[in-house]
Amino acid sequence: MNVGKMVAVAALLLMPVLARGADTPVAVHAQMAGAVASEAGAQAAYNRWSDEKAGVADEIRDMKAMDDWLEFQNRKYVKYIEKQRATIAELERRKEEVKRIAMELEPFLETVVDRLEEFVNSDLPFLAEERRQRIVFLRASLDDYHLSLSEKLRRVFEALLVETEYGRNVATVSQALELDGIPTQVTVFRLGRTALFYQAADGSSAGFWDQESQSWSPLDQGVARTLRRAREMAERKRAVELLELPIGAAQ
């Protein structure tokens, strides 16, 4: 309400008084001014109340929005906590499983190395020192307190893989063998784990490892020529071809 309207309202209120002639113009003016001031104060109070009401309403809306957000977050964190509890329970289960596996795995690795050593000792006599040192290395690894179980497992598996590969390839190596009591320089040809042959450097003699007698036995010259071709194929000096070797005799 503006000042003009206030004056008009005040004038209407004072009309009965003016009609009775009870007051002088000065008194009437003073009464009108007081009425206007009173009305202005009331209007100012109303405006302040309206502003406060709007501010309170905004606060209520903000608090309601915050309450909704907190309720949403509470539901979310309840699900999060449930999931974390399930994860912790699963980790505890795995931890116990790892402990059980560790208790069974370490003695199992000892057994594996024992069997590997037995196998190497009963296998064809090739790379004897290298394979013996590998067994010694594995035993030292299993007895190493500071070595993790996973590293011990890795080393044992690596040794098994190397031994497995011996059965999948062929190889030749020069070494000295005692033949008929005489040290002789020969080339040893390994055909996987199927057979082990030797041939003298000058080609004058050849033979195979007899597993039954655990000794080297001679082969005739015809087989020696075939063996030379097999060696050359293993050394990639000749194209691959089919050959006949006395595998049955070697066994």
Protein backbone atom coordinates (compact mmCIF):
# COMPACT_ATOMS: atom_id res chain seq x y z
CA MET A 1 0.00 0.00 0.00
CA ASN A 2 1.49 3.43 -1.02
CA VAL A 3 1.43 6.68 0.94
CA GLY A 4 -1.49 8.16 -1.09
CA LYS A 5 -3.70 5.25 -0.24
CA MET A 6 -2.61 5.50 3.41
CA VAL A 7 -3.60 9.19 3.51
CA ALA A 8 -6.93 8.38 1.92
CA VAL A 9 -7.59 5.67 4.48
CA ALA A 10 -6.57 7.99 7.29
CA ALA A 11 -8.89 10.71 5.96
CA LEU A 12 -11.82 8.31 5.87
CA LEU A 13 -11.07 7.31 9.44
CA LEU A 14 -10.97 10.90 10.59
CA MET A 15 -14.13 12.07 8.77
CA PRO A 16 -16.44 11.36 11.73
CA VAL A 17 -14.16 13.36 13.96
CA LEU A 18 -14.03 16.30 11.56
CA ALA A 19 -17.78 16.17 11.20
CA ARG A 20 -18.25 16.64 14.93
CA GLY A 21 -15.81 19.57 14.91
CA ALA A 22 -14.19 18.30 18.04
CA ASP A 23 -10.65 18.93 16.91
CA THR A 24 -8.74 21.76 15.34
CA PRO A 25 -7.09 21.36 11.92
CA VAL A 26 -3.72 21.02 13.60
CA ALA A 27 -4.96 18.22 15.80
CA VAL A 28 -6.60 16.55 12.83
CA HIS A 29 -3.34 16.79 10.86
CA ALA A 30 -1.45 15.30 13.74
CA GLN A 31 -3.93 12.46 14.02
CA MET A 32 -3.72 11.86 10.29
CA ALA A 33 0.09 11.82 10.41
CA GLY A 34 -0.02 9.38 13.30
CA ALA A 35 -2.44 7.15 11.44
CA VAL A 36 -0.23 7.23 8.36
CA ALA A 37 2.87 6.42 10.41
CA SER A 38 1.03 3.61 12.14
CA GLU A 39 -0.11 2.21 8.81
CA ALA A 40 3.41 2.52 7.38
CA GLY A 41 4.84 0.66 10.37
CA ALA A 42 2.25 -2.05 9.95
CA GLN A 43 3.10 -2.31 6.25
CA ALA A 44 6.82 -2.51 7.03
CA ALA A 45 6.16 -5.22 9.62
CA TYR A 46 4.03 -7.09 7.10
CA ASN A 47 6.80 -6.83 4.50
CA ARG A 48 9.36 -8.14 6.99
CA TRP A 49 7.06 -10.97 7.94
CA SER A 50 6.52 -11.82 4.28
CA ASP A 51 10.27 -11.85 3.68
CA GLU A 52 10.83 -14.01 6.76
CA LYS A 53 8.03 -16.33 5.65
CA ALA A 54 9.62 -16.69 2.20
CA GLY A 55 13.03 -17.29 3.79
CA VAL A 56 11.60 -19.93 6.14
CA ALA A 57 9.82 -21.58 3.21
CA ASP A 58 13.14 -21.71 1.29
CA GLU A 59 14.84 -23.20 4.32
CA ILE A 60 12.10 -25.82 4.65
CA ARG A 61 12.46 -26.74 0.98
CA ASP A 62 16.26 -26.96 1.36
CA MET A 63 15.92 -29.08 4.49
CA LYS A 64 13.41 -31.35 2.76
CA ALA A 65 15.78 -31.76 -0.21
CA MET A 66 18.66 -32.47 2.17
CA ASP A 67 16.53 -34.99 4.05
CA ASP A 68 15.67 -36.77 0.79
CA TRP A 69 19.35 -36.79 -0.23
CA LEU A 70 20.46 -38.14 3.15
CA GLU A 71 17.80 -40.84 3.00
CA PHE A 72 19.01 -41.83 -0.47
CA GLN A 73 22.63 -41.88 0.68
CA ASN A 74 21.66 -43.93 3.71
CA ARG A 75 20.02 -46.59 1.51
CA LYS A 76 23.04 -46.50 -0.78
CA TYR A 77 25.53 -46.93 2.06
CA VAL A 78 23.50 -49.77 3.55
CA LYS A 79 23.89 -51.65 0.25
CA TYR A 80 27.57 -50.68 0.12
CA ILE A 81 28.17 -52.00 3.65
CA GLU A 82 26.35 -55.25 2.85
CA LYS A 83 28.50 -55.69 -0.25
CA GLN A 84 31.69 -54.94 1.71
CA ARG A 85 30.72 -57.47 4.35
CA ALA A 86 30.15 -60.09 1.66
CA THR A 87 33.54 -59.21 0.10
CA ILE A 88 35.29 -59.47 3.47
CA ALA A 89 33.63 -62.83 4.12
CA GLU A 90 34.79 -64.09 0.72
CA LEU A 91 38.34 -62.86 1.37
CA GLU A 92 38.36 -64.60 4.73
CA ARG A 93 37.20 -67.80 3.04
CA ARG A 94 39.95 -67.51 0.43
CA LYS A 95 42.50 -66.79 3.14
CA GLU A 96 41.59 -70.00 4.93
CA GLU A 97 41.65 -71.85 1.61
CA VAL A 98 45.14 -70.51 0.87
CA LYS A 99 46.32 -71.65 4.29
CA ARG A 100 44.96 -75.12 3.65
CA ILE A 101 46.54 -75.28 0.19
CA ALA A 102 49.87 -74.06 1.59
CA MET A 103 49.82 -76.78 4.23
CA GLU A 104 49.26 -79.41 1.54
CA LEU A 105 51.35 -77.89 -1.25
CA GLU A 106 54.74 -77.65 0.43
CA PRO A 107 55.01 -81.36 1.31
CA PHE A 108 53.59 -82.14 -2.12
CA LEU A 109 56.44 -80.21 -3.76
CA GLU A 110 58.92 -82.25 -1.73
CA THR A 111 57.30 -85.40 -3.10
CA VAL A 112 57.41 -84.06 -6.66
CA VAL A 113 61.15 -83.33 -6.40
CA ASP A 114 61.77 -86.80 -4.94
CA ARG A 115 59.95 -88.40 -7.86
CA LEU A 116 61.71 -86.16 -10.35
CA GLU A 117 65.08 -87.22 -8.95
CA GLU A 118 64.08 -90.88 -9.20
CA PHE A 119 62.95 -90.34 -12.77
CA VAL A 120 66.18 -88.59 -13.77
CA ASN A 121 68.26 -91.38 -12.22
CA SER A 122 66.32 -94.01 -14.17
CA ASP A 123 66.15 -92.04 -17.43
CA LEU A 124 68.57 -92.11 -20.35
CA PRO A 125 71.98 -90.78 -19.22
CA PHE A 126 72.06 -87.44 -21.02
CA LEU A 127 72.99 -84.02 -19.56
CA ALA A 128 73.61 -85.85 -16.31
CA GLU A 129 75.43 -83.03 -14.49
CA GLU A 130 72.99 -80.34 -15.61
CA ARG A 131 69.99 -82.35 -14.49
CA ARG A 132 71.64 -83.31 -11.20
CA GLN A 133 72.40 -79.66 -10.44
CA ARG A 134 68.77 -78.78 -11.20
CA ILE A 135 67.62 -81.26 -8.54
CA VAL A 136 70.13 -79.82 -6.05
CA PHE A 137 68.83 -76.32 -6.82
CA LEU A 138 65.23 -77.39 -6.26
CA ARG A 139 66.03 -78.96 -2.90
CA ALA A 140 67.86 -75.83 -1.79
CA SER A 141 64.86 -73.74 -2.89
CA LEU A 142 62.38 -75.85 -0.93
CA ASP A 143 64.59 -75.57 2.17
CA ASP A 144 64.88 -71.77 1.85
CA TYR A 145 62.74 -70.28 4.66
CA HIS A 146 62.73 -66.80 3.09
CA LEU A 147 61.52 -68.01 -0.30
CA SER A 148 57.77 -67.65 -0.88
CA LEU A 149 55.69 -70.72 -1.58
CA SER A 150 54.66 -69.29 -4.95
CA GLU A 151 58.32 -68.95 -5.98
CA LYS A 152 59.05 -72.51 -4.86
CA LEU A 153 56.10 -73.69 -6.93
CA ARG A 154 57.30 -71.70 -9.94
CA ARG A 155 60.79 -73.22 -9.78
CA VAL A 156 59.47 -76.76 -9.50
CA PHE A 157 57.11 -76.24 -12.44
CA GLU A 158 59.92 -74.72 -14.48
CA ALA A 159 62.10 -77.79 -13.84
CA LEU A 160 59.24 -80.09 -14.83
CA LEU A 161 58.74 -78.10 -18.02
CA VAL A 162 62.43 -78.42 -18.93
CA GLU A 163 62.31 -82.17 -18.37
CA THR A 164 59.14 -82.39 -20.45
CA GLU A 165 60.80 -80.57 -23.34
CA TYR A 166 63.60 -83.16 -23.41
CA GLY A 167 61.04 -85.68 -24.61
CA ARG A 168 59.88 -83.41 -27.46
CA ASN A 169 63.13 -82.58 -29.18
CA VAL A 170 66.34 -84.08 -30.53
CA ALA A 171 69.86 -82.91 -29.76
CA THR A 172 73.51 -83.74 -30.29
CA VAL A 173 76.45 -83.12 -27.99
CA SER A 174 80.15 -83.95 -28.13
CA GLN A 175 81.56 -85.76 -25.13
CA ALA A 176 84.04 -88.43 -24.10
CA LEU A 177 82.75 -91.96 -23.46
CA GLU A 178 84.66 -94.94 -22.17
CA LEU A 179 84.21 -97.63 -24.83
CA ASP A 180 85.83 -101.00 -24.19
CA GLY A 181 87.82 -99.32 -21.44
CA ILE A 182 89.18 -96.66 -23.77
CA PRO A 183 88.14 -92.96 -23.46
CA THR A 184 86.74 -92.06 -26.87
CA GLN A 185 85.54 -88.69 -28.17
CA VAL A 186 82.08 -89.18 -29.67
CA THR A 187 78.97 -87.30 -30.69
CA VAL A 188 75.94 -88.34 -28.68
CA PHE A 189 72.60 -88.11 -30.49
CA ARG A 190 69.44 -88.00 -28.36
CA LEU A 191 66.11 -88.84 -29.98
CA GLY A 192 63.75 -87.33 -27.43
CA ARG A 193 63.58 -89.82 -24.58
CA THR A 194 63.16 -92.71 -26.99
CA ALA A 195 66.80 -93.56 -27.63
CA LEU A 196 70.35 -92.40 -27.12
CA PHE A 197 73.07 -93.08 -29.71
CA TYR A 198 76.75 -92.31 -30.04
CA GLN A 199 79.06 -92.09 -33.03
CA ALA A 200 82.83 -91.75 -32.98
CA ALA A 201 84.22 -88.52 -34.37
CA ASP A 202 85.88 -90.36 -37.26
CA GLY A 203 82.72 -92.37 -37.94
CA SER A 204 84.50 -95.65 -37.26
CA SER A 205 82.04 -96.86 -34.63
CA ALA A 206 78.53 -96.23 -33.39
CA GLY A 207 76.31 -97.56 -30.67
CA PHE A 208 73.27 -97.03 -28.45
CA TRP A 209 72.47 -96.92 -24.76
CA ASP A 210 70.97 -100.19 -23.58
CA GLN A 211 68.62 -99.45 -20.69
CA GLU A 212 68.40 -103.08 -19.69
CA SER A 213 72.12 -103.53 -19.23
CA GLN A 214 72.71 -99.87 -18.38
CA SER A 215 75.64 -99.75 -20.79
CA TRP A 216 76.64 -98.68 -24.30
CA SER A 217 76.26 -101.33 -26.99
CA PRO A 218 77.74 -101.19 -30.53
CA LEU A 219 75.77 -100.92 -33.77
CA ASP A 220 76.79 -102.19 -37.22
CA GLN A 221 78.15 -99.83 -39.87
CA GLY A 222 74.88 -99.74 -41.83
CA VAL A 223 73.10 -98.21 -38.88
CA ALA A 224 76.08 -95.92 -38.32
CA ARG A 225 75.57 -94.33 -41.76
CA THR A 226 71.87 -93.81 -41.03
CA LEU A 227 72.76 -92.37 -37.65
CA ARG A 228 75.07 -89.83 -39.29
CA ARG A 229 72.19 -88.59 -41.44
CA ALA A 230 69.97 -88.35 -38.35
CA ARG A 231 72.63 -86.30 -36.59
CA GLU A 232 72.92 -83.96 -39.55
CA MET A 233 69.15 -83.44 -39.54
CA ALA A 234 69.24 -82.69 -35.80
CA GLU A 235 72.02 -80.17 -36.45
CA ARG A 236 69.99 -78.68 -39.34
CA LYS A 237 72.65 -79.64 -41.86
CA ARG A 238 70.31 -81.88 -43.86
CA ALA A 239 66.67 -81.73 -44.91
CA VAL A 240 64.31 -83.80 -42.79
CA GLU A 241 63.58 -87.28 -44.14
CA LEU A 242 62.34 -90.61 -42.86
CA LEU A 243 65.01 -92.84 -41.40
CA GLU A 244 65.10 -96.29 -39.82
CA LEU A 245 66.87 -96.51 -36.50
CA PRO A 246 66.95 -99.46 -34.07
CA ILE A 247 64.62 -97.94 -31.52
CA GLY A 248 63.50 -101.33 -30.30
CA ALA A 249 67.10 -102.35 -29.66
CA ALA A 250 67.75 -99.09 -27.85
CA GLN A 251 64.90 -99.78 -25.51
